[in-house]
mmCIF file of all heavy atoms, coordinates in Angstrom:
data_MODEL
# 
_entry.id   MODEL 
# 
loop_
_atom_site.group_PDB 
_atom_site.id 
_atom_site.type_symbol 
_atom_site.label_atom_id 
_atom_site.label_alt_id 
_atom_site.label_comp_id 
_atom_site.label_asym_id 
_atom_site.label_entity_id 
_atom_site.label_seq_id 
_atom_site.pdbx_PDB_ins_code 
_atom_site.Cartn_x 
_atom_site.Cartn_y 
_atom_site.Cartn_z 
_atom_site.occupancy 
_atom_site.B_iso_or_equiv 
_atom_site.pdbx_formal_charge 
_atom_site.auth_seq_id 
_atom_site.auth_comp_id 
_atom_site.auth_asym_id 
_atom_site.auth_atom_id 
_atom_site.pdbx_PDB_model_num 
ATOM 1   N N   . ALA A 1 1  ? 5.050   6.224  -18.235 1.00 0.00 ? 1  ALA A N   1 
ATOM 2   C CA  . ALA A 1 1  ? 5.777   5.395  -19.171 1.00 0.00 ? 1  ALA A CA  1 
ATOM 3   C C   . ALA A 1 1  ? 4.969   4.619  -20.114 1.00 0.00 ? 1  ALA A C   1 
ATOM 4   O O   . ALA A 1 1  ? 5.448   4.210  -21.210 1.00 0.00 ? 1  ALA A O   1 
ATOM 5   C CB  . ALA A 1 1  ? 6.727   4.465  -18.348 1.00 0.00 ? 1  ALA A CB  1 
ATOM 6   N N   . ASP A 1 2  ? 3.673   4.382  -19.766 1.00 0.00 ? 2  ASP A N   1 
ATOM 7   C CA  . ASP A 1 2  ? 2.831   3.493  -20.608 1.00 0.00 ? 2  ASP A CA  1 
ATOM 8   C C   . ASP A 1 2  ? 1.394   3.977  -20.433 1.00 0.00 ? 2  ASP A C   1 
ATOM 9   O O   . ASP A 1 2  ? 0.773   3.707  -19.383 1.00 0.00 ? 2  ASP A O   1 
ATOM 10  C CB  . ASP A 1 2  ? 3.028   2.069  -20.235 1.00 0.00 ? 2  ASP A CB  1 
ATOM 11  C CG  . ASP A 1 2  ? 2.283   1.118  -21.167 1.00 0.00 ? 2  ASP A CG  1 
ATOM 12  O OD1 . ASP A 1 2  ? 1.453   1.624  -21.950 1.00 0.00 ? 2  ASP A OD1 1 
ATOM 13  O OD2 . ASP A 1 2  ? 2.444   -0.081 -21.050 1.00 0.00 ? 2  ASP A OD2 1 
ATOM 14  N N   . GLU A 1 3  ? 0.831   4.693  -21.415 1.00 0.00 ? 3  GLU A N   1 
ATOM 15  C CA  . GLU A 1 3  ? -0.549  5.251  -21.286 1.00 0.00 ? 3  GLU A CA  1 
ATOM 16  C C   . GLU A 1 3  ? -1.586  4.083  -21.195 1.00 0.00 ? 3  GLU A C   1 
ATOM 17  O O   . GLU A 1 3  ? -2.683  4.392  -20.715 1.00 0.00 ? 3  GLU A O   1 
ATOM 18  C CB  . GLU A 1 3  ? -0.780  6.126  -22.510 1.00 0.00 ? 3  GLU A CB  1 
ATOM 19  C CG  . GLU A 1 3  ? -0.844  5.384  -23.859 1.00 0.00 ? 3  GLU A CG  1 
ATOM 20  C CD  . GLU A 1 3  ? -1.129  6.344  -25.016 1.00 0.00 ? 3  GLU A CD  1 
ATOM 21  O OE1 . GLU A 1 3  ? -1.093  7.547  -24.798 1.00 0.00 ? 3  GLU A OE1 1 
ATOM 22  O OE2 . GLU A 1 3  ? -1.454  5.872  -26.118 1.00 0.00 ? 3  GLU A OE2 1 
ATOM 23  N N   . GLU A 1 4  ? -1.302  2.876  -21.577 1.00 0.00 ? 4  GLU A N   1 
ATOM 24  C CA  . GLU A 1 4  ? -2.216  1.786  -21.417 1.00 0.00 ? 4  GLU A CA  1 
ATOM 25  C C   . GLU A 1 4  ? -2.429  1.454  -19.964 1.00 0.00 ? 4  GLU A C   1 
ATOM 26  O O   . GLU A 1 4  ? -3.333  0.769  -19.568 1.00 0.00 ? 4  GLU A O   1 
ATOM 27  C CB  . GLU A 1 4  ? -1.738  0.538  -22.170 1.00 0.00 ? 4  GLU A CB  1 
ATOM 28  C CG  . GLU A 1 4  ? -1.806  0.714  -23.688 1.00 0.00 ? 4  GLU A CG  1 
ATOM 29  C CD  . GLU A 1 4  ? -1.488  -0.544 -24.455 1.00 0.00 ? 4  GLU A CD  1 
ATOM 30  O OE1 . GLU A 1 4  ? -1.266  -1.542 -23.738 1.00 0.00 ? 4  GLU A OE1 1 
ATOM 31  O OE2 . GLU A 1 4  ? -1.499  -0.524 -25.637 1.00 0.00 ? 4  GLU A OE2 1 
ATOM 32  N N   . ARG A 1 5  ? -1.557  1.948  -19.111 1.00 0.00 ? 5  ARG A N   1 
ATOM 33  C CA  . ARG A 1 5  ? -1.683  1.739  -17.623 1.00 0.00 ? 5  ARG A CA  1 
ATOM 34  C C   . ARG A 1 5  ? -2.544  2.882  -16.975 1.00 0.00 ? 5  ARG A C   1 
ATOM 35  O O   . ARG A 1 5  ? -2.768  2.787  -15.795 1.00 0.00 ? 5  ARG A O   1 
ATOM 36  C CB  . ARG A 1 5  ? -0.306  1.733  -16.878 1.00 0.00 ? 5  ARG A CB  1 
ATOM 37  C CG  . ARG A 1 5  ? 0.564   0.561  -17.339 1.00 0.00 ? 5  ARG A CG  1 
ATOM 38  C CD  . ARG A 1 5  ? 1.924   0.757  -16.726 1.00 0.00 ? 5  ARG A CD  1 
ATOM 39  N NE  . ARG A 1 5  ? 2.857   -0.344 -17.034 1.00 0.00 ? 5  ARG A NE  1 
ATOM 40  C CZ  . ARG A 1 5  ? 4.180   -0.257 -16.968 1.00 0.00 ? 5  ARG A CZ  1 
ATOM 41  N NH1 . ARG A 1 5  ? 4.717   0.844  -16.535 1.00 0.00 ? 5  ARG A NH1 1 
ATOM 42  N NH2 . ARG A 1 5  ? 4.918   -1.318 -17.261 1.00 0.00 ? 5  ARG A NH2 1 
ATOM 43  N N   . SER A 1 6  ? -3.028  3.769  -17.796 1.00 0.00 ? 6  SER A N   1 
ATOM 44  C CA  . SER A 1 6  ? -3.792  4.805  -17.222 1.00 0.00 ? 6  SER A CA  1 
ATOM 45  C C   . SER A 1 6  ? -5.035  4.278  -16.479 1.00 0.00 ? 6  SER A C   1 
ATOM 46  O O   . SER A 1 6  ? -5.768  3.411  -17.034 1.00 0.00 ? 6  SER A O   1 
ATOM 47  C CB  . SER A 1 6  ? -4.270  5.809  -18.339 1.00 0.00 ? 6  SER A CB  1 
ATOM 48  O OG  . SER A 1 6  ? -5.093  6.765  -17.836 1.00 0.00 ? 6  SER A OG  1 
ATOM 49  N N   . GLY A 1 7  ? -5.217  4.754  -15.268 1.00 0.00 ? 7  GLY A N   1 
ATOM 50  C CA  . GLY A 1 7  ? -6.403  4.182  -14.407 1.00 0.00 ? 7  GLY A CA  1 
ATOM 51  C C   . GLY A 1 7  ? -5.973  3.061  -13.551 1.00 0.00 ? 7  GLY A C   1 
ATOM 52  O O   . GLY A 1 7  ? -6.806  2.602  -12.722 1.00 0.00 ? 7  GLY A O   1 
ATOM 53  N N   . MET A 1 8  ? -4.791  2.512  -13.629 1.00 0.00 ? 8  MET A N   1 
ATOM 54  C CA  . MET A 1 8  ? -4.347  1.427  -12.740 1.00 0.00 ? 8  MET A CA  1 
ATOM 55  C C   . MET A 1 8  ? -4.361  1.911  -11.258 1.00 0.00 ? 8  MET A C   1 
ATOM 56  O O   . MET A 1 8  ? -4.018  3.057  -10.994 1.00 0.00 ? 8  MET A O   1 
ATOM 57  C CB  . MET A 1 8  ? -3.047  0.777  -13.145 1.00 0.00 ? 8  MET A CB  1 
ATOM 58  C CG  . MET A 1 8  ? -1.790  1.687  -12.827 1.00 0.00 ? 8  MET A CG  1 
ATOM 59  S SD  . MET A 1 8  ? -0.276  0.729  -13.244 1.00 0.00 ? 8  MET A SD  1 
ATOM 60  C CE  . MET A 1 8  ? 0.948   1.898  -12.752 1.00 0.00 ? 8  MET A CE  1 
ATOM 61  N N   . ALA A 1 9  ? -4.840  0.966  -10.396 1.00 0.00 ? 9  ALA A N   1 
ATOM 62  C CA  . ALA A 1 9  ? -4.958  1.334  -9.040  1.00 0.00 ? 9  ALA A CA  1 
ATOM 63  C C   . ALA A 1 9  ? -4.914  0.071  -8.204  1.00 0.00 ? 9  ALA A C   1 
ATOM 64  O O   . ALA A 1 9  ? -5.077  -1.070 -8.733  1.00 0.00 ? 9  ALA A O   1 
ATOM 65  C CB  . ALA A 1 9  ? -6.258  2.064  -8.704  1.00 0.00 ? 9  ALA A CB  1 
ATOM 66  N N   . THR A 1 10 ? -4.699  0.197  -6.892  1.00 0.00 ? 10 THR A N   1 
ATOM 67  C CA  . THR A 1 10 ? -4.614  -0.982 -6.017  1.00 0.00 ? 10 THR A CA  1 
ATOM 68  C C   . THR A 1 10 ? -5.046  -0.642 -4.644  1.00 0.00 ? 10 THR A C   1 
ATOM 69  O O   . THR A 1 10 ? -4.937  0.577  -4.181  1.00 0.00 ? 10 THR A O   1 
ATOM 70  C CB  . THR A 1 10 ? -3.183  -1.505 -6.053  1.00 0.00 ? 10 THR A CB  1 
ATOM 71  O OG1 . THR A 1 10 ? -3.117  -2.712 -5.200  1.00 0.00 ? 10 THR A OG1 1 
ATOM 72  C CG2 . THR A 1 10 ? -2.207  -0.459 -5.386  1.00 0.00 ? 10 THR A CG2 1 
ATOM 73  N N   . THR A 1 11 ? -5.611  -1.594 -3.965  1.00 0.00 ? 11 THR A N   1 
ATOM 74  C CA  . THR A 1 11 ? -5.736  -1.505 -2.483  1.00 0.00 ? 11 THR A CA  1 
ATOM 75  C C   . THR A 1 11 ? -4.315  -1.757 -1.890  1.00 0.00 ? 11 THR A C   1 
ATOM 76  O O   . THR A 1 11 ? -3.395  -2.227 -2.541  1.00 0.00 ? 11 THR A O   1 
ATOM 77  C CB  . THR A 1 11 ? -6.705  -2.529 -1.957  1.00 0.00 ? 11 THR A CB  1 
ATOM 78  O OG1 . THR A 1 11 ? -6.086  -3.887 -2.042  1.00 0.00 ? 11 THR A OG1 1 
ATOM 79  C CG2 . THR A 1 11 ? -7.984  -2.587 -2.736  1.00 0.00 ? 11 THR A CG2 1 
ATOM 80  N N   . LEU A 1 12 ? -4.218  -1.391 -0.643  1.00 0.00 ? 12 LEU A N   1 
ATOM 81  C CA  . LEU A 1 12 ? -2.929  -1.690 0.070   1.00 0.00 ? 12 LEU A CA  1 
ATOM 82  C C   . LEU A 1 12 ? -3.253  -1.776 1.501   1.00 0.00 ? 12 LEU A C   1 
ATOM 83  O O   . LEU A 1 12 ? -3.762  -0.817 2.149   1.00 0.00 ? 12 LEU A O   1 
ATOM 84  C CB  . LEU A 1 12 ? -1.959  -0.514 -0.174  1.00 0.00 ? 12 LEU A CB  1 
ATOM 85  C CG  . LEU A 1 12 ? -0.566  -0.682 0.409   1.00 0.00 ? 12 LEU A CG  1 
ATOM 86  C CD1 . LEU A 1 12 ? 0.144   -1.861 -0.235  1.00 0.00 ? 12 LEU A CD1 1 
ATOM 87  C CD2 . LEU A 1 12 ? 0.288   0.573  0.349   1.00 0.00 ? 12 LEU A CD2 1 
ATOM 88  N N   . THR A 1 13 ? -2.849  -2.917 2.114   1.00 0.00 ? 13 THR A N   1 
ATOM 89  C CA  . THR A 1 13 ? -2.970  -3.123 3.552   1.00 0.00 ? 13 THR A CA  1 
ATOM 90  C C   . THR A 1 13 ? -1.642  -3.665 4.021   1.00 0.00 ? 13 THR A C   1 
ATOM 91  O O   . THR A 1 13 ? -1.186  -4.702 3.550   1.00 0.00 ? 13 THR A O   1 
ATOM 92  C CB  . THR A 1 13 ? -4.133  -4.070 3.870   1.00 0.00 ? 13 THR A CB  1 
ATOM 93  O OG1 . THR A 1 13 ? -5.336  -3.557 3.341   1.00 0.00 ? 13 THR A OG1 1 
ATOM 94  C CG2 . THR A 1 13 ? -4.233  -4.260 5.377   1.00 0.00 ? 13 THR A CG2 1 
ATOM 95  N N   . ALA A 1 14 ? -1.070  -2.992 4.940   1.00 0.00 ? 14 ALA A N   1 
ATOM 96  C CA  . ALA A 1 14 ? 0.386   -3.358 5.416   1.00 0.00 ? 14 ALA A CA  1 
ATOM 97  C C   . ALA A 1 14 ? 0.486   -3.275 6.961   1.00 0.00 ? 14 ALA A C   1 
ATOM 98  O O   . ALA A 1 14 ? -0.130  -2.319 7.509   1.00 0.00 ? 14 ALA A O   1 
ATOM 99  C CB  . ALA A 1 14 ? 1.401   -2.462 4.710   1.00 0.00 ? 14 ALA A CB  1 
ATOM 100 N N   . VAL A 1 15 ? 1.264   -4.101 7.488   1.00 0.00 ? 15 VAL A N   1 
ATOM 101 C CA  . VAL A 1 15 ? 1.682   -3.935 8.866   1.00 0.00 ? 15 VAL A CA  1 
ATOM 102 C C   . VAL A 1 15 ? 3.225   -3.975 8.993   1.00 0.00 ? 15 VAL A C   1 
ATOM 103 O O   . VAL A 1 15 ? 3.851   -4.699 8.149   1.00 0.00 ? 15 VAL A O   1 
ATOM 104 C CB  . VAL A 1 15 ? 1.094   -5.054 9.765   1.00 0.00 ? 15 VAL A CB  1 
ATOM 105 C CG1 . VAL A 1 15 ? -0.378  -4.872 10.008  1.00 0.00 ? 15 VAL A CG1 1 
ATOM 106 C CG2 . VAL A 1 15 ? 1.419   -6.432 9.283   1.00 0.00 ? 15 VAL A CG2 1 
ATOM 107 N N   . LEU A 1 16 ? 3.796   -3.108 9.806   1.00 0.00 ? 16 LEU A N   1 
ATOM 108 C CA  . LEU A 1 16 ? 5.259   -3.218 9.993   1.00 0.00 ? 16 LEU A CA  1 
ATOM 109 C C   . LEU A 1 16 ? 5.518   -2.896 11.424  1.00 0.00 ? 16 LEU A C   1 
ATOM 110 O O   . LEU A 1 16 ? 4.773   -2.236 12.112  1.00 0.00 ? 16 LEU A O   1 
ATOM 111 C CB  . LEU A 1 16 ? 5.923   -2.303 8.997   1.00 0.00 ? 16 LEU A CB  1 
ATOM 112 C CG  . LEU A 1 16 ? 5.732   -0.807 9.094   1.00 0.00 ? 16 LEU A CG  1 
ATOM 113 C CD1 . LEU A 1 16 ? 6.768   -0.120 10.047  1.00 0.00 ? 16 LEU A CD1 1 
ATOM 114 C CD2 . LEU A 1 16 ? 5.890   -0.099 7.724   1.00 0.00 ? 16 LEU A CD2 1 
ATOM 115 N N   . THR A 1 17 ? 6.687   -3.316 11.844  1.00 0.00 ? 17 THR A N   1 
ATOM 116 C CA  . THR A 1 17 ? 7.171   -3.168 13.226  1.00 0.00 ? 17 THR A CA  1 
ATOM 117 C C   . THR A 1 17 ? 8.680   -2.844 13.267  1.00 0.00 ? 17 THR A C   1 
ATOM 118 O O   . THR A 1 17 ? 9.387   -3.246 12.432  1.00 0.00 ? 17 THR A O   1 
ATOM 119 C CB  . THR A 1 17 ? 6.903   -4.436 14.090  1.00 0.00 ? 17 THR A CB  1 
ATOM 120 O OG1 . THR A 1 17 ? 7.316   -4.213 15.424  1.00 0.00 ? 17 THR A OG1 1 
ATOM 121 C CG2 . THR A 1 17 ? 7.644   -5.658 13.511  1.00 0.00 ? 17 THR A CG2 1 
ATOM 122 N N   . ASP A 1 18 ? 9.016   -2.079 14.289  1.00 0.00 ? 18 ASP A N   1 
ATOM 123 C CA  . ASP A 1 18 ? 10.410  -1.778 14.521  1.00 0.00 ? 18 ASP A CA  1 
ATOM 124 C C   . ASP A 1 18 ? 10.950  -2.637 15.655  1.00 0.00 ? 18 ASP A C   1 
ATOM 125 O O   . ASP A 1 18 ? 12.081  -2.413 16.184  1.00 0.00 ? 18 ASP A O   1 
ATOM 126 C CB  . ASP A 1 18 ? 10.636  -0.285 14.830  1.00 0.00 ? 18 ASP A CB  1 
ATOM 127 C CG  . ASP A 1 18 ? 9.894   0.197  16.090  1.00 0.00 ? 18 ASP A CG  1 
ATOM 128 O OD1 . ASP A 1 18 ? 9.153   -0.685 16.679  1.00 0.00 ? 18 ASP A OD1 1 
ATOM 129 O OD2 . ASP A 1 18 ? 10.033  1.333  16.515  1.00 0.00 ? 18 ASP A OD2 1 
ATOM 130 N N   . GLY A 1 19 ? 10.172  -3.587 16.086  1.00 0.00 ? 19 GLY A N   1 
ATOM 131 C CA  . GLY A 1 19 ? 10.525  -4.498 17.143  1.00 0.00 ? 19 GLY A CA  1 
ATOM 132 C C   . GLY A 1 19 ? 9.889   -4.186 18.454  1.00 0.00 ? 19 GLY A C   1 
ATOM 133 O O   . GLY A 1 19 ? 9.746   -5.045 19.366  1.00 0.00 ? 19 GLY A O   1 
ATOM 134 N N   . SER A 1 20 ? 9.280   -3.016 18.537  1.00 0.00 ? 20 SER A N   1 
ATOM 135 C CA  . SER A 1 20 ? 8.452   -2.689 19.736  1.00 0.00 ? 20 SER A CA  1 
ATOM 136 C C   . SER A 1 20 ? 7.064   -2.129 19.420  1.00 0.00 ? 20 SER A C   1 
ATOM 137 O O   . SER A 1 20 ? 6.054   -2.393 20.174  1.00 0.00 ? 20 SER A O   1 
ATOM 138 C CB  . SER A 1 20 ? 9.258   -1.620 20.635  1.00 0.00 ? 20 SER A CB  1 
ATOM 139 O OG  . SER A 1 20 ? 9.518   -0.429 19.866  1.00 0.00 ? 20 SER A OG  1 
ATOM 140 N N   . ARG A 1 21 ? 6.985   -1.330 18.333  1.00 0.00 ? 21 ARG A N   1 
ATOM 141 C CA  . ARG A 1 21 ? 5.656   -0.780 17.911  1.00 0.00 ? 21 ARG A CA  1 
ATOM 142 C C   . ARG A 1 21 ? 5.290   -1.462 16.643  1.00 0.00 ? 21 ARG A C   1 
ATOM 143 O O   . ARG A 1 21 ? 6.119   -1.857 15.821  1.00 0.00 ? 21 ARG A O   1 
ATOM 144 C CB  . ARG A 1 21 ? 5.809   0.738  17.656  1.00 0.00 ? 21 ARG A CB  1 
ATOM 145 C CG  . ARG A 1 21 ? 6.225   1.521  18.902  1.00 0.00 ? 21 ARG A CG  1 
ATOM 146 C CD  . ARG A 1 21 ? 6.671   2.868  18.547  1.00 0.00 ? 21 ARG A CD  1 
ATOM 147 N NE  . ARG A 1 21 ? 5.618   3.587  17.809  1.00 0.00 ? 21 ARG A NE  1 
ATOM 148 C CZ  . ARG A 1 21 ? 5.831   4.734  16.987  1.00 0.00 ? 21 ARG A CZ  1 
ATOM 149 N NH1 . ARG A 1 21 ? 7.135   5.114  16.939  1.00 0.00 ? 21 ARG A NH1 1 
ATOM 150 N NH2 . ARG A 1 21 ? 4.931   5.301  16.422  1.00 0.00 ? 21 ARG A NH2 1 
ATOM 151 N N   . VAL A 1 22 ? 3.917   -1.586 16.434  1.00 0.00 ? 22 VAL A N   1 
ATOM 152 C CA  . VAL A 1 22 ? 3.362   -2.218 15.236  1.00 0.00 ? 22 VAL A CA  1 
ATOM 153 C C   . VAL A 1 22 ? 2.408   -1.184 14.690  1.00 0.00 ? 22 VAL A C   1 
ATOM 154 O O   . VAL A 1 22 ? 1.507   -0.712 15.371  1.00 0.00 ? 22 VAL A O   1 
ATOM 155 C CB  . VAL A 1 22 ? 2.637   -3.523 15.547  1.00 0.00 ? 22 VAL A CB  1 
ATOM 156 C CG1 . VAL A 1 22 ? 2.023   -4.099 14.218  1.00 0.00 ? 22 VAL A CG1 1 
ATOM 157 C CG2 . VAL A 1 22 ? 3.658   -4.515 16.121  1.00 0.00 ? 22 VAL A CG2 1 
ATOM 158 N N   . VAL A 1 23 ? 2.550   -0.924 13.342  1.00 0.00 ? 23 VAL A N   1 
ATOM 159 C CA  . VAL A 1 23 ? 1.710   0.076  12.647  1.00 0.00 ? 23 VAL A CA  1 
ATOM 160 C C   . VAL A 1 23 ? 0.967   -0.557 11.530  1.00 0.00 ? 23 VAL A C   1 
ATOM 161 O O   . VAL A 1 23 ? 1.487   -1.395 10.800  1.00 0.00 ? 23 VAL A O   1 
ATOM 162 C CB  . VAL A 1 23 ? 2.577   1.250  12.214  1.00 0.00 ? 23 VAL A CB  1 
ATOM 163 C CG1 . VAL A 1 23 ? 1.727   2.295  11.387  1.00 0.00 ? 23 VAL A CG1 1 
ATOM 164 C CG2 . VAL A 1 23 ? 3.186   1.964  13.402  1.00 0.00 ? 23 VAL A CG2 1 
ATOM 165 N N   . LEU A 1 24 ? -0.294  -0.215 11.354  1.00 0.00 ? 24 LEU A N   1 
ATOM 166 C CA  . LEU A 1 24 ? -1.114  -0.655 10.251  1.00 0.00 ? 24 LEU A CA  1 
ATOM 167 C C   . LEU A 1 24 ? -1.366  0.465  9.288   1.00 0.00 ? 24 LEU A C   1 
ATOM 168 O O   . LEU A 1 24 ? -1.711  1.578  9.665   1.00 0.00 ? 24 LEU A O   1 
ATOM 169 C CB  . LEU A 1 24 ? -2.506  -1.145 10.755  1.00 0.00 ? 24 LEU A CB  1 
ATOM 170 C CG  . LEU A 1 24 ? -3.602  -1.422 9.734   1.00 0.00 ? 24 LEU A CG  1 
ATOM 171 C CD1 . LEU A 1 24 ? -3.261  -2.645 8.875   1.00 0.00 ? 24 LEU A CD1 1 
ATOM 172 C CD2 . LEU A 1 24 ? -4.992  -1.547 10.446  1.00 0.00 ? 24 LEU A CD2 1 
ATOM 173 N N   . GLY A 1 25 ? -1.153  0.254  7.981   1.00 0.00 ? 25 GLY A N   1 
ATOM 174 C CA  . GLY A 1 25 ? -1.538  1.150  6.949   1.00 0.00 ? 25 GLY A CA  1 
ATOM 175 C C   . GLY A 1 25 ? -2.538  0.527  6.034   1.00 0.00 ? 25 GLY A C   1 
ATOM 176 O O   . GLY A 1 25 ? -2.449  -0.636 5.739   1.00 0.00 ? 25 GLY A O   1 
ATOM 177 N N   . HIS A 1 26 ? -3.495  1.368  5.570   1.00 0.00 ? 26 HIS A N   1 
ATOM 178 C CA  . HIS A 1 26 ? -4.616  0.762  4.802   1.00 0.00 ? 26 HIS A CA  1 
ATOM 179 C C   . HIS A 1 26 ? -5.320  1.730  3.893   1.00 0.00 ? 26 HIS A C   1 
ATOM 180 O O   . HIS A 1 26 ? -5.606  2.877  4.246   1.00 0.00 ? 26 HIS A O   1 
ATOM 181 C CB  . HIS A 1 26 ? -5.651  0.165  5.845   1.00 0.00 ? 26 HIS A CB  1 
ATOM 182 C CG  . HIS A 1 26 ? -6.922  -0.308 5.174   1.00 0.00 ? 26 HIS A CG  1 
ATOM 183 N ND1 . HIS A 1 26 ? -6.996  -1.464 4.396   1.00 0.00 ? 26 HIS A ND1 1 
ATOM 184 C CD2 . HIS A 1 26 ? -8.114  0.246  5.167   1.00 0.00 ? 26 HIS A CD2 1 
ATOM 185 C CE1 . HIS A 1 26 ? -8.205  -1.590 3.998   1.00 0.00 ? 26 HIS A CE1 1 
ATOM 186 N NE2 . HIS A 1 26 ? -8.915  -0.613 4.420   1.00 0.00 ? 26 HIS A NE2 1 
ATOM 187 N N   . VAL A 1 27 ? -5.584  1.290  2.678   1.00 0.00 ? 27 VAL A N   1 
ATOM 188 C CA  . VAL A 1 27 ? -6.506  2.023  1.822   1.00 0.00 ? 27 VAL A CA  1 
ATOM 189 C C   . VAL A 1 27 ? -7.210  0.918  0.904   1.00 0.00 ? 27 VAL A C   1 
ATOM 190 O O   . VAL A 1 27 ? -6.629  0.003  0.478   1.00 0.00 ? 27 VAL A O   1 
ATOM 191 C CB  . VAL A 1 27 ? -5.809  3.052  0.948   1.00 0.00 ? 27 VAL A CB  1 
ATOM 192 C CG1 . VAL A 1 27 ? -4.751  2.442  -0.016  1.00 0.00 ? 27 VAL A CG1 1 
ATOM 193 C CG2 . VAL A 1 27 ? -6.792  3.921  0.204   1.00 0.00 ? 27 VAL A CG2 1 
ATOM 194 N N   . GLY A 1 28 ? -8.473  1.118  0.675   1.00 0.00 ? 28 GLY A N   1 
ATOM 195 C CA  . GLY A 1 28 ? -9.249  0.174  -0.129  1.00 0.00 ? 28 GLY A CA  1 
ATOM 196 C C   . GLY A 1 28 ? -10.093 -0.846 0.574   1.00 0.00 ? 28 GLY A C   1 
ATOM 197 O O   . GLY A 1 28 ? -10.536 -0.609 1.773   1.00 0.00 ? 28 GLY A O   1 
# 
C-alpha cells in the first residue's frame, strides 16, 4: 500500500496461554 514502507521489519517476542499451557514465540 505504501512503497515508502519497503524494508520495514520488526522483532517479535510473545507469550500466550490457554489456561494450562504456555507458549513462547520469538524472532529477532
